[in-house]
């Protein structure tokens, strides 16, 4: 049986961090992202990815999770191109496909509204002109 003083202390301890702004929704974002990463890695394993690939992806995605936590990015902004670019500035470009893969998985699971799309880089102008004239010549069908 818990006495009144112990009960009061427990209630105060549970409320105090929230009242003083020490815990925020960021705790929820971190937990949700951690769970999403775990689910994604489990899915990769079930799809037959090698253990070394899954381990590597897990490491990369945990770097991403720590970045999100450190920058205090809200869930609705975690999976967008600007966040990915900021993450890439601090880390390595090789992480981008892994983060995009997680976003596609979460989109398929209906956990996010849209996946992070790959930024389309334009070719130098002369090549764009060539492709345009070649497409207009009627010999090639446009890419859909």
N, C-alpha and C. Protein backbone atom coordinates (compact mmCIF):
# COMPACT_ATOMS: atom_id res chain seq x y z
N UNK A 1 0.84 -1.18 0.00
CA UNK A 1 0.00 0.00 0.00
C UNK A 1 0.88 1.25 0.00
N UNK A 2 0.50 2.22 -0.80
CA UNK A 2 1.28 3.45 -0.94
C UNK A 2 0.66 4.52 -0.06
N UNK A 3 1.50 5.16 0.77
CA UNK A 3 0.98 6.23 1.61
C UNK A 3 0.78 7.50 0.78
N UNK A 4 0.10 8.50 1.37
CA UNK A 4 -0.24 9.72 0.65
C UNK A 4 1.00 10.49 0.20
N UNK A 5 2.01 10.51 1.04
CA UNK A 5 3.22 11.27 0.71
C UNK A 5 3.94 10.64 -0.49
N UNK A 6 4.05 9.33 -0.51
CA UNK A 6 4.70 8.63 -1.63
C UNK A 6 3.90 8.84 -2.90
N UNK A 7 2.58 8.73 -2.78
CA UNK A 7 1.72 8.92 -3.94
C UNK A 7 1.88 10.34 -4.49
N UNK A 8 1.90 11.33 -3.59
CA UNK A 8 2.07 12.72 -4.01
C UNK A 8 3.43 12.91 -4.69
N UNK A 9 4.48 12.31 -4.14
CA UNK A 9 5.82 12.41 -4.73
C UNK A 9 5.85 11.80 -6.13
N UNK A 10 5.19 10.66 -6.29
CA UNK A 10 5.17 10.01 -7.59
C UNK A 10 4.42 10.85 -8.62
N UNK A 11 3.29 11.43 -8.19
CA UNK A 11 2.53 12.29 -9.10
C UNK A 11 3.33 13.52 -9.48
N UNK A 12 3.99 14.12 -8.51
CA UNK A 12 4.80 15.31 -8.77
C UNK A 12 5.94 14.97 -9.73
N UNK A 13 6.61 13.83 -9.50
CA UNK A 13 7.73 13.43 -10.34
C UNK A 13 7.28 13.23 -11.79
N UNK A 14 6.10 12.67 -11.98
CA UNK A 14 5.60 12.44 -13.33
C UNK A 14 5.16 13.72 -14.02
N UNK A 15 4.67 14.70 -13.25
CA UNK A 15 4.20 15.95 -13.84
C UNK A 15 5.32 16.97 -14.02
N UNK A 16 6.29 16.98 -13.13
CA UNK A 16 7.28 18.04 -13.07
C UNK A 16 8.01 18.31 -14.39
N UNK A 17 8.54 17.30 -15.07
CA UNK A 17 9.25 17.62 -16.32
C UNK A 17 8.36 18.28 -17.36
N UNK A 18 7.08 17.87 -17.39
CA UNK A 18 6.18 18.47 -18.37
C UNK A 18 5.87 19.91 -18.00
N UNK A 19 5.65 20.17 -16.72
CA UNK A 19 5.31 21.52 -16.28
C UNK A 19 6.45 22.49 -16.50
N UNK A 20 7.66 22.00 -16.44
CA UNK A 20 8.81 22.88 -16.57
C UNK A 20 9.41 22.87 -17.98
N UNK A 21 8.69 22.30 -18.92
CA UNK A 21 9.12 22.34 -20.31
C UNK A 21 10.30 21.45 -20.64
N UNK A 22 10.64 20.52 -19.75
CA UNK A 22 11.79 19.66 -20.01
C UNK A 22 11.44 18.53 -20.96
N UNK A 23 10.19 18.12 -20.96
CA UNK A 23 9.74 17.11 -21.91
C UNK A 23 8.72 17.76 -22.82
N UNK A 24 8.81 17.48 -24.09
CA UNK A 24 7.89 18.06 -25.05
C UNK A 24 7.42 16.97 -25.98
N UNK A 25 6.75 17.37 -27.03
CA UNK A 25 6.34 16.41 -28.04
C UNK A 25 7.53 15.78 -28.72
N UNK A 26 8.72 16.37 -28.56
CA UNK A 26 9.91 15.80 -29.18
C UNK A 26 10.18 14.40 -28.66
N UNK A 27 9.84 14.17 -27.39
CA UNK A 27 10.00 12.83 -26.84
C UNK A 27 9.15 11.85 -27.64
N UNK A 28 7.95 12.26 -27.98
CA UNK A 28 7.05 11.43 -28.78
C UNK A 28 7.61 11.22 -30.19
N UNK A 29 8.14 12.27 -30.80
CA UNK A 29 8.73 12.16 -32.14
C UNK A 29 9.88 11.16 -32.11
N UNK A 30 10.72 11.26 -31.10
CA UNK A 30 11.87 10.37 -31.00
C UNK A 30 11.41 8.91 -30.85
N UNK A 31 10.42 8.71 -29.99
CA UNK A 31 9.91 7.34 -29.80
C UNK A 31 9.25 6.81 -31.06
N UNK A 32 8.46 7.66 -31.72
CA UNK A 32 7.79 7.24 -32.95
C UNK A 32 8.80 6.90 -34.04
N UNK A 33 9.83 7.73 -34.16
CA UNK A 33 10.86 7.49 -35.18
C UNK A 33 11.65 6.23 -34.85
N UNK A 34 11.95 6.04 -33.58
CA UNK A 34 12.67 4.83 -33.16
C UNK A 34 11.85 3.58 -33.50
N UNK A 35 10.55 3.62 -33.23
CA UNK A 35 9.68 2.49 -33.55
C UNK A 35 9.58 2.29 -35.06
N UNK A 36 9.49 3.38 -35.80
CA UNK A 36 9.41 3.29 -37.27
C UNK A 36 10.67 2.64 -37.83
N UNK A 37 11.82 3.00 -37.29
CA UNK A 37 13.08 2.40 -37.75
C UNK A 37 13.09 0.91 -37.44
N UNK A 38 12.67 0.55 -36.23
CA UNK A 38 12.62 -0.88 -35.87
C UNK A 38 11.72 -1.66 -36.81
N UNK A 39 10.53 -1.10 -37.08
CA UNK A 39 9.58 -1.77 -37.98
C UNK A 39 10.15 -1.90 -39.39
N UNK A 40 10.80 -0.85 -39.85
CA UNK A 40 11.39 -0.85 -41.20
C UNK A 40 12.49 -1.91 -41.31
N UNK A 41 13.33 -1.98 -40.30
CA UNK A 41 14.42 -2.97 -40.32
C UNK A 41 13.83 -4.39 -40.29
N UNK A 42 12.79 -4.59 -39.49
CA UNK A 42 12.12 -5.90 -39.46
C UNK A 42 11.54 -6.25 -40.83
N UNK A 43 10.98 -5.25 -41.48
CA UNK A 43 10.42 -5.47 -42.81
C UNK A 43 11.53 -5.83 -43.81
N UNK A 44 12.66 -5.11 -43.72
CA UNK A 44 13.79 -5.42 -44.61
C UNK A 44 14.25 -6.87 -44.42
N UNK A 45 14.33 -7.30 -43.18
CA UNK A 45 14.74 -8.67 -42.88
C UNK A 45 13.73 -9.65 -43.49
N UNK A 46 12.44 -9.35 -43.33
CA UNK A 46 11.41 -10.25 -43.87
C UNK A 46 11.43 -10.27 -45.40
N UNK A 47 11.96 -9.22 -46.01
CA UNK A 47 12.05 -9.16 -47.47
C UNK A 47 13.33 -9.81 -47.99
N UNK A 48 14.16 -10.29 -47.08
CA UNK A 48 15.35 -11.03 -47.49
C UNK A 48 16.63 -10.21 -47.62
N UNK A 49 16.63 -8.99 -47.11
CA UNK A 49 17.86 -8.20 -47.12
C UNK A 49 18.88 -8.88 -46.20
N UNK A 50 20.15 -8.73 -46.53
CA UNK A 50 21.18 -9.38 -45.72
C UNK A 50 21.29 -8.71 -44.36
N UNK A 51 21.82 -9.46 -43.42
CA UNK A 51 22.00 -8.94 -42.07
C UNK A 51 22.94 -7.73 -42.06
N UNK A 52 23.98 -7.77 -42.88
CA UNK A 52 24.92 -6.64 -42.92
C UNK A 52 24.25 -5.39 -43.49
N UNK A 53 23.39 -5.55 -44.49
CA UNK A 53 22.65 -4.41 -45.04
C UNK A 53 21.72 -3.83 -43.98
N UNK A 54 20.98 -4.70 -43.31
CA UNK A 54 20.04 -4.24 -42.27
C UNK A 54 20.77 -3.54 -41.14
N UNK A 55 21.92 -4.07 -40.76
CA UNK A 55 22.72 -3.46 -39.70
C UNK A 55 23.22 -2.09 -40.13
N UNK A 56 23.67 -1.99 -41.35
CA UNK A 56 24.16 -0.71 -41.89
C UNK A 56 23.02 0.31 -41.96
N UNK A 57 21.87 -0.11 -42.46
CA UNK A 57 20.71 0.78 -42.54
C UNK A 57 20.29 1.24 -41.14
N UNK A 58 20.31 0.33 -40.19
CA UNK A 58 19.93 0.67 -38.83
C UNK A 58 20.86 1.75 -38.26
N UNK A 59 22.15 1.59 -38.48
CA UNK A 59 23.12 2.60 -38.01
C UNK A 59 22.85 3.96 -38.65
N UNK A 60 22.66 3.96 -39.97
CA UNK A 60 22.42 5.21 -40.68
C UNK A 60 21.14 5.88 -40.21
N UNK A 61 20.09 5.10 -40.04
CA UNK A 61 18.81 5.66 -39.62
C UNK A 61 18.86 6.16 -38.18
N UNK A 62 19.66 5.54 -37.34
CA UNK A 62 19.82 6.05 -35.98
C UNK A 62 20.59 7.36 -35.97
N UNK A 63 21.51 7.56 -36.90
CA UNK A 63 22.15 8.88 -37.05
C UNK A 63 21.08 9.91 -37.42
N UNK A 64 20.19 9.53 -38.31
CA UNK A 64 19.10 10.42 -38.72
C UNK A 64 18.20 10.73 -37.53
N UNK A 65 17.86 9.72 -36.74
CA UNK A 65 17.00 9.91 -35.57
C UNK A 65 17.64 10.87 -34.57
N UNK A 66 18.94 10.71 -34.34
CA UNK A 66 19.64 11.61 -33.42
C UNK A 66 19.67 13.04 -33.96
N UNK A 67 19.84 13.19 -35.26
CA UNK A 67 19.79 14.51 -35.89
C UNK A 67 18.43 15.16 -35.66
N UNK A 68 17.36 14.40 -35.90
CA UNK A 68 15.99 14.91 -35.71
C UNK A 68 15.78 15.31 -34.25
N UNK A 69 16.24 14.48 -33.34
CA UNK A 69 16.09 14.76 -31.91
C UNK A 69 16.87 16.00 -31.50
N UNK A 70 18.10 16.09 -31.96
CA UNK A 70 18.96 17.22 -31.61
C UNK A 70 18.41 18.54 -32.16
N UNK A 71 17.87 18.50 -33.37
CA UNK A 71 17.33 19.71 -34.00
C UNK A 71 15.89 20.00 -33.58
N UNK A 72 15.29 19.04 -32.83
CA UNK A 72 13.93 19.19 -32.32
C UNK A 72 12.93 19.43 -33.47
N UNK A 73 13.02 18.59 -34.48
CA UNK A 73 12.16 18.71 -35.66
C UNK A 73 10.85 17.98 -35.39
N UNK A 74 9.71 18.64 -35.62
CA UNK A 74 8.42 17.99 -35.39
C UNK A 74 8.14 16.91 -36.44
N UNK A 75 7.27 15.96 -36.08
CA UNK A 75 7.00 14.80 -36.94
C UNK A 75 6.59 15.20 -38.36
N UNK A 76 5.77 16.25 -38.50
CA UNK A 76 5.29 16.61 -39.83
C UNK A 76 6.38 17.20 -40.72
N UNK A 77 7.55 17.49 -40.15
CA UNK A 77 8.66 18.01 -40.95
C UNK A 77 9.84 17.04 -41.04
N UNK A 78 9.72 15.88 -40.41
CA UNK A 78 10.82 14.91 -40.40
C UNK A 78 11.11 14.40 -41.80
N UNK A 79 10.07 14.07 -42.55
CA UNK A 79 10.25 13.45 -43.85
C UNK A 79 9.93 14.41 -44.98
N UNK A 80 10.77 15.45 -45.10
CA UNK A 80 10.66 16.32 -46.26
C UNK A 80 12.05 16.61 -46.81
N UNK A 81 12.10 17.14 -48.02
CA UNK A 81 13.36 17.32 -48.72
C UNK A 81 14.29 18.28 -47.99
N UNK A 82 13.75 19.34 -47.39
CA UNK A 82 14.60 20.30 -46.68
C UNK A 82 15.29 19.67 -45.48
N UNK A 83 14.55 18.85 -44.73
CA UNK A 83 15.15 18.16 -43.59
C UNK A 83 16.24 17.22 -44.06
N UNK A 84 15.98 16.50 -45.14
CA UNK A 84 16.98 15.58 -45.68
C UNK A 84 18.23 16.33 -46.12
N UNK A 85 18.04 17.49 -46.77
CA UNK A 85 19.19 18.29 -47.21
C UNK A 85 20.01 18.77 -46.01
N UNK A 86 19.32 19.23 -44.96
CA UNK A 86 20.02 19.68 -43.76
C UNK A 86 20.80 18.53 -43.13
N UNK A 87 20.19 17.36 -43.10
CA UNK A 87 20.85 16.18 -42.57
C UNK A 87 22.09 15.83 -43.40
N UNK A 88 21.96 15.93 -44.71
CA UNK A 88 23.08 15.62 -45.60
C UNK A 88 24.24 16.60 -45.42
N UNK A 89 23.92 17.86 -45.12
CA UNK A 89 24.98 18.85 -44.90
C UNK A 89 25.86 18.44 -43.71
N UNK A 90 25.23 17.89 -42.69
CA UNK A 90 25.96 17.50 -41.49
C UNK A 90 26.58 16.12 -41.60
N UNK A 91 26.06 15.31 -42.48
CA UNK A 91 26.51 13.92 -42.57
C UNK A 91 27.00 13.62 -43.97
N UNK A 92 26.66 12.47 -44.47
CA UNK A 92 27.17 12.02 -45.74
C UNK A 92 26.03 11.77 -46.71
N UNK A 93 26.29 11.99 -47.98
CA UNK A 93 25.26 11.78 -48.99
C UNK A 93 24.75 10.35 -49.04
N UNK A 94 25.56 9.40 -48.62
CA UNK A 94 25.15 8.00 -48.72
C UNK A 94 23.95 7.67 -47.83
N UNK A 95 23.63 8.55 -46.88
CA UNK A 95 22.48 8.30 -46.01
C UNK A 95 21.15 8.58 -46.71
N UNK A 96 21.15 9.44 -47.71
CA UNK A 96 19.90 9.89 -48.34
C UNK A 96 19.02 8.74 -48.85
N UNK A 97 19.56 7.78 -49.61
CA UNK A 97 18.69 6.71 -50.10
C UNK A 97 18.07 5.88 -48.97
N UNK A 98 18.79 5.72 -47.89
CA UNK A 98 18.27 4.94 -46.76
C UNK A 98 17.11 5.68 -46.10
N UNK A 99 17.26 6.99 -45.91
CA UNK A 99 16.19 7.79 -45.30
C UNK A 99 14.99 7.83 -46.24
N UNK A 100 15.24 7.97 -47.55
CA UNK A 100 14.14 7.95 -48.52
C UNK A 100 13.41 6.60 -48.48
N UNK A 101 14.17 5.51 -48.33
CA UNK A 101 13.56 4.18 -48.24
C UNK A 101 12.65 4.08 -47.03
N UNK A 102 13.09 4.61 -45.90
CA UNK A 102 12.25 4.63 -44.70
C UNK A 102 10.98 5.44 -44.96
N UNK A 103 11.13 6.58 -45.64
CA UNK A 103 9.95 7.41 -45.90
C UNK A 103 8.96 6.71 -46.84
N UNK A 104 9.46 5.98 -47.83
CA UNK A 104 8.57 5.22 -48.71
C UNK A 104 7.82 4.14 -47.93
N UNK A 105 8.56 3.46 -47.04
CA UNK A 105 7.95 2.42 -46.20
C UNK A 105 6.85 3.03 -45.33
N UNK A 106 7.13 4.16 -44.68
CA UNK A 106 6.14 4.79 -43.80
C UNK A 106 4.94 5.31 -44.60
N UNK A 107 5.19 5.76 -45.82
CA UNK A 107 4.08 6.19 -46.68
C UNK A 107 3.19 5.01 -47.02
N UNK A 108 3.79 3.88 -47.36
CA UNK A 108 3.01 2.68 -47.67
C UNK A 108 2.22 2.20 -46.45
N UNK A 109 2.77 2.42 -45.27
CA UNK A 109 2.09 2.05 -44.03
C UNK A 109 1.10 3.12 -43.57
N UNK A 110 0.98 4.20 -44.35
CA UNK A 110 0.10 5.33 -44.07
C UNK A 110 0.44 6.03 -42.75
N UNK A 111 1.74 6.12 -42.46
CA UNK A 111 2.20 6.81 -41.26
C UNK A 111 2.59 8.26 -41.57
N UNK A 112 2.89 8.53 -42.85
CA UNK A 112 3.19 9.89 -43.29
C UNK A 112 2.39 10.18 -44.56
N UNK A 113 2.20 11.47 -44.86
CA UNK A 113 1.37 11.86 -46.00
C UNK A 113 2.01 11.60 -47.35
N UNK A 114 3.33 11.79 -47.43
CA UNK A 114 4.02 11.54 -48.70
C UNK A 114 5.48 11.21 -48.43
N UNK A 115 6.07 10.40 -49.31
CA UNK A 115 7.49 10.06 -49.12
C UNK A 115 8.37 11.22 -49.59
N UNK A 116 9.63 11.17 -49.21
CA UNK A 116 10.59 12.17 -49.68
C UNK A 116 10.93 11.82 -51.12
N UNK A 117 10.64 12.74 -52.00
CA UNK A 117 10.93 12.51 -53.41
C UNK A 117 12.38 12.88 -53.71
N UNK A 118 12.95 12.19 -54.65
CA UNK A 118 14.31 12.50 -55.06
C UNK A 118 14.28 13.78 -55.88
N UNK A 119 15.18 14.68 -55.58
CA UNK A 119 15.25 15.94 -56.30
C UNK A 119 15.76 15.68 -57.71
N UNK A 120 15.03 16.18 -58.69
CA UNK A 120 15.43 15.99 -60.09
C UNK A 120 16.40 17.10 -60.47
N UNK A 121 17.58 16.67 -60.88
CA UNK A 121 18.58 17.64 -61.29
C UNK A 121 18.50 17.84 -62.79
N UNK A 122 18.49 19.10 -63.19
CA UNK A 122 18.45 19.40 -64.62
C UNK A 122 19.83 19.21 -65.21
N UNK A 123 19.82 18.76 -66.44
CA UNK A 123 21.06 18.63 -67.19
C UNK A 123 21.53 20.01 -67.64
N UNK A 124 22.79 20.14 -68.01
CA UNK A 124 23.22 21.41 -68.60
C UNK A 124 22.33 21.77 -69.80
N UNK A 125 22.17 23.05 -70.04
CA UNK A 125 21.22 23.55 -71.04
C UNK A 125 21.38 22.89 -72.41
N UNK A 126 22.59 22.69 -72.85
CA UNK A 126 22.81 22.12 -74.18
C UNK A 126 22.22 20.71 -74.29
N UNK A 127 22.33 19.93 -73.21
CA UNK A 127 21.76 18.58 -73.22
C UNK A 127 20.24 18.62 -73.15
N UNK A 128 19.71 19.55 -72.37
CA UNK A 128 18.26 19.71 -72.30
C UNK A 128 17.70 20.07 -73.68
N UNK A 129 18.40 20.97 -74.40
CA UNK A 129 17.97 21.36 -75.75
C UNK A 129 18.02 20.16 -76.69
N UNK A 130 19.07 19.37 -76.59
CA UNK A 130 19.21 18.20 -77.45
C UNK A 130 18.06 17.22 -77.20
N UNK A 131 17.79 16.94 -75.94
CA UNK A 131 16.71 16.01 -75.61
C UNK A 131 15.36 16.54 -76.08
N UNK A 132 15.17 17.84 -75.95
CA UNK A 132 13.92 18.45 -76.40
C UNK A 132 13.77 18.33 -77.91
N UNK A 133 14.82 18.64 -78.65
CA UNK A 133 14.72 18.55 -80.11
C UNK A 133 14.57 17.10 -80.56
N UNK A 134 15.23 16.18 -79.88
CA UNK A 134 15.13 14.76 -80.22
C UNK A 134 13.71 14.26 -79.97
N UNK A 135 13.12 14.70 -78.85
CA UNK A 135 11.75 14.31 -78.54
C UNK A 135 10.78 14.91 -79.55
N UNK A 136 11.05 16.14 -80.00
CA UNK A 136 10.17 16.80 -80.97
C UNK A 136 10.31 16.22 -82.37
N UNK A 137 11.38 15.49 -82.63
CA UNK A 137 11.58 14.91 -83.96
C UNK A 137 10.62 13.76 -84.21
N UNK A 138 9.96 13.29 -83.17
CA UNK A 138 8.98 12.22 -83.33
C UNK A 138 9.59 10.83 -83.27
N UNK A 139 10.87 10.74 -83.05
CA UNK A 139 11.52 9.43 -83.01
C UNK A 139 11.50 8.80 -81.62
N UNK A 140 11.16 9.60 -80.66
CA UNK A 140 11.22 9.12 -79.27
C UNK A 140 9.95 9.54 -78.55
N UNK A 141 9.45 8.68 -77.70
CA UNK A 141 8.30 9.01 -76.87
C UNK A 141 8.78 9.72 -75.61
N UNK A 142 8.07 10.74 -75.16
CA UNK A 142 8.49 11.42 -73.93
C UNK A 142 8.41 10.49 -72.73
N UNK A 143 9.26 10.73 -71.76
CA UNK A 143 9.25 9.95 -70.52
C UNK A 143 8.00 10.31 -69.73
N UNK A 144 7.33 9.30 -69.23
CA UNK A 144 6.09 9.56 -68.50
C UNK A 144 6.31 9.51 -67.02
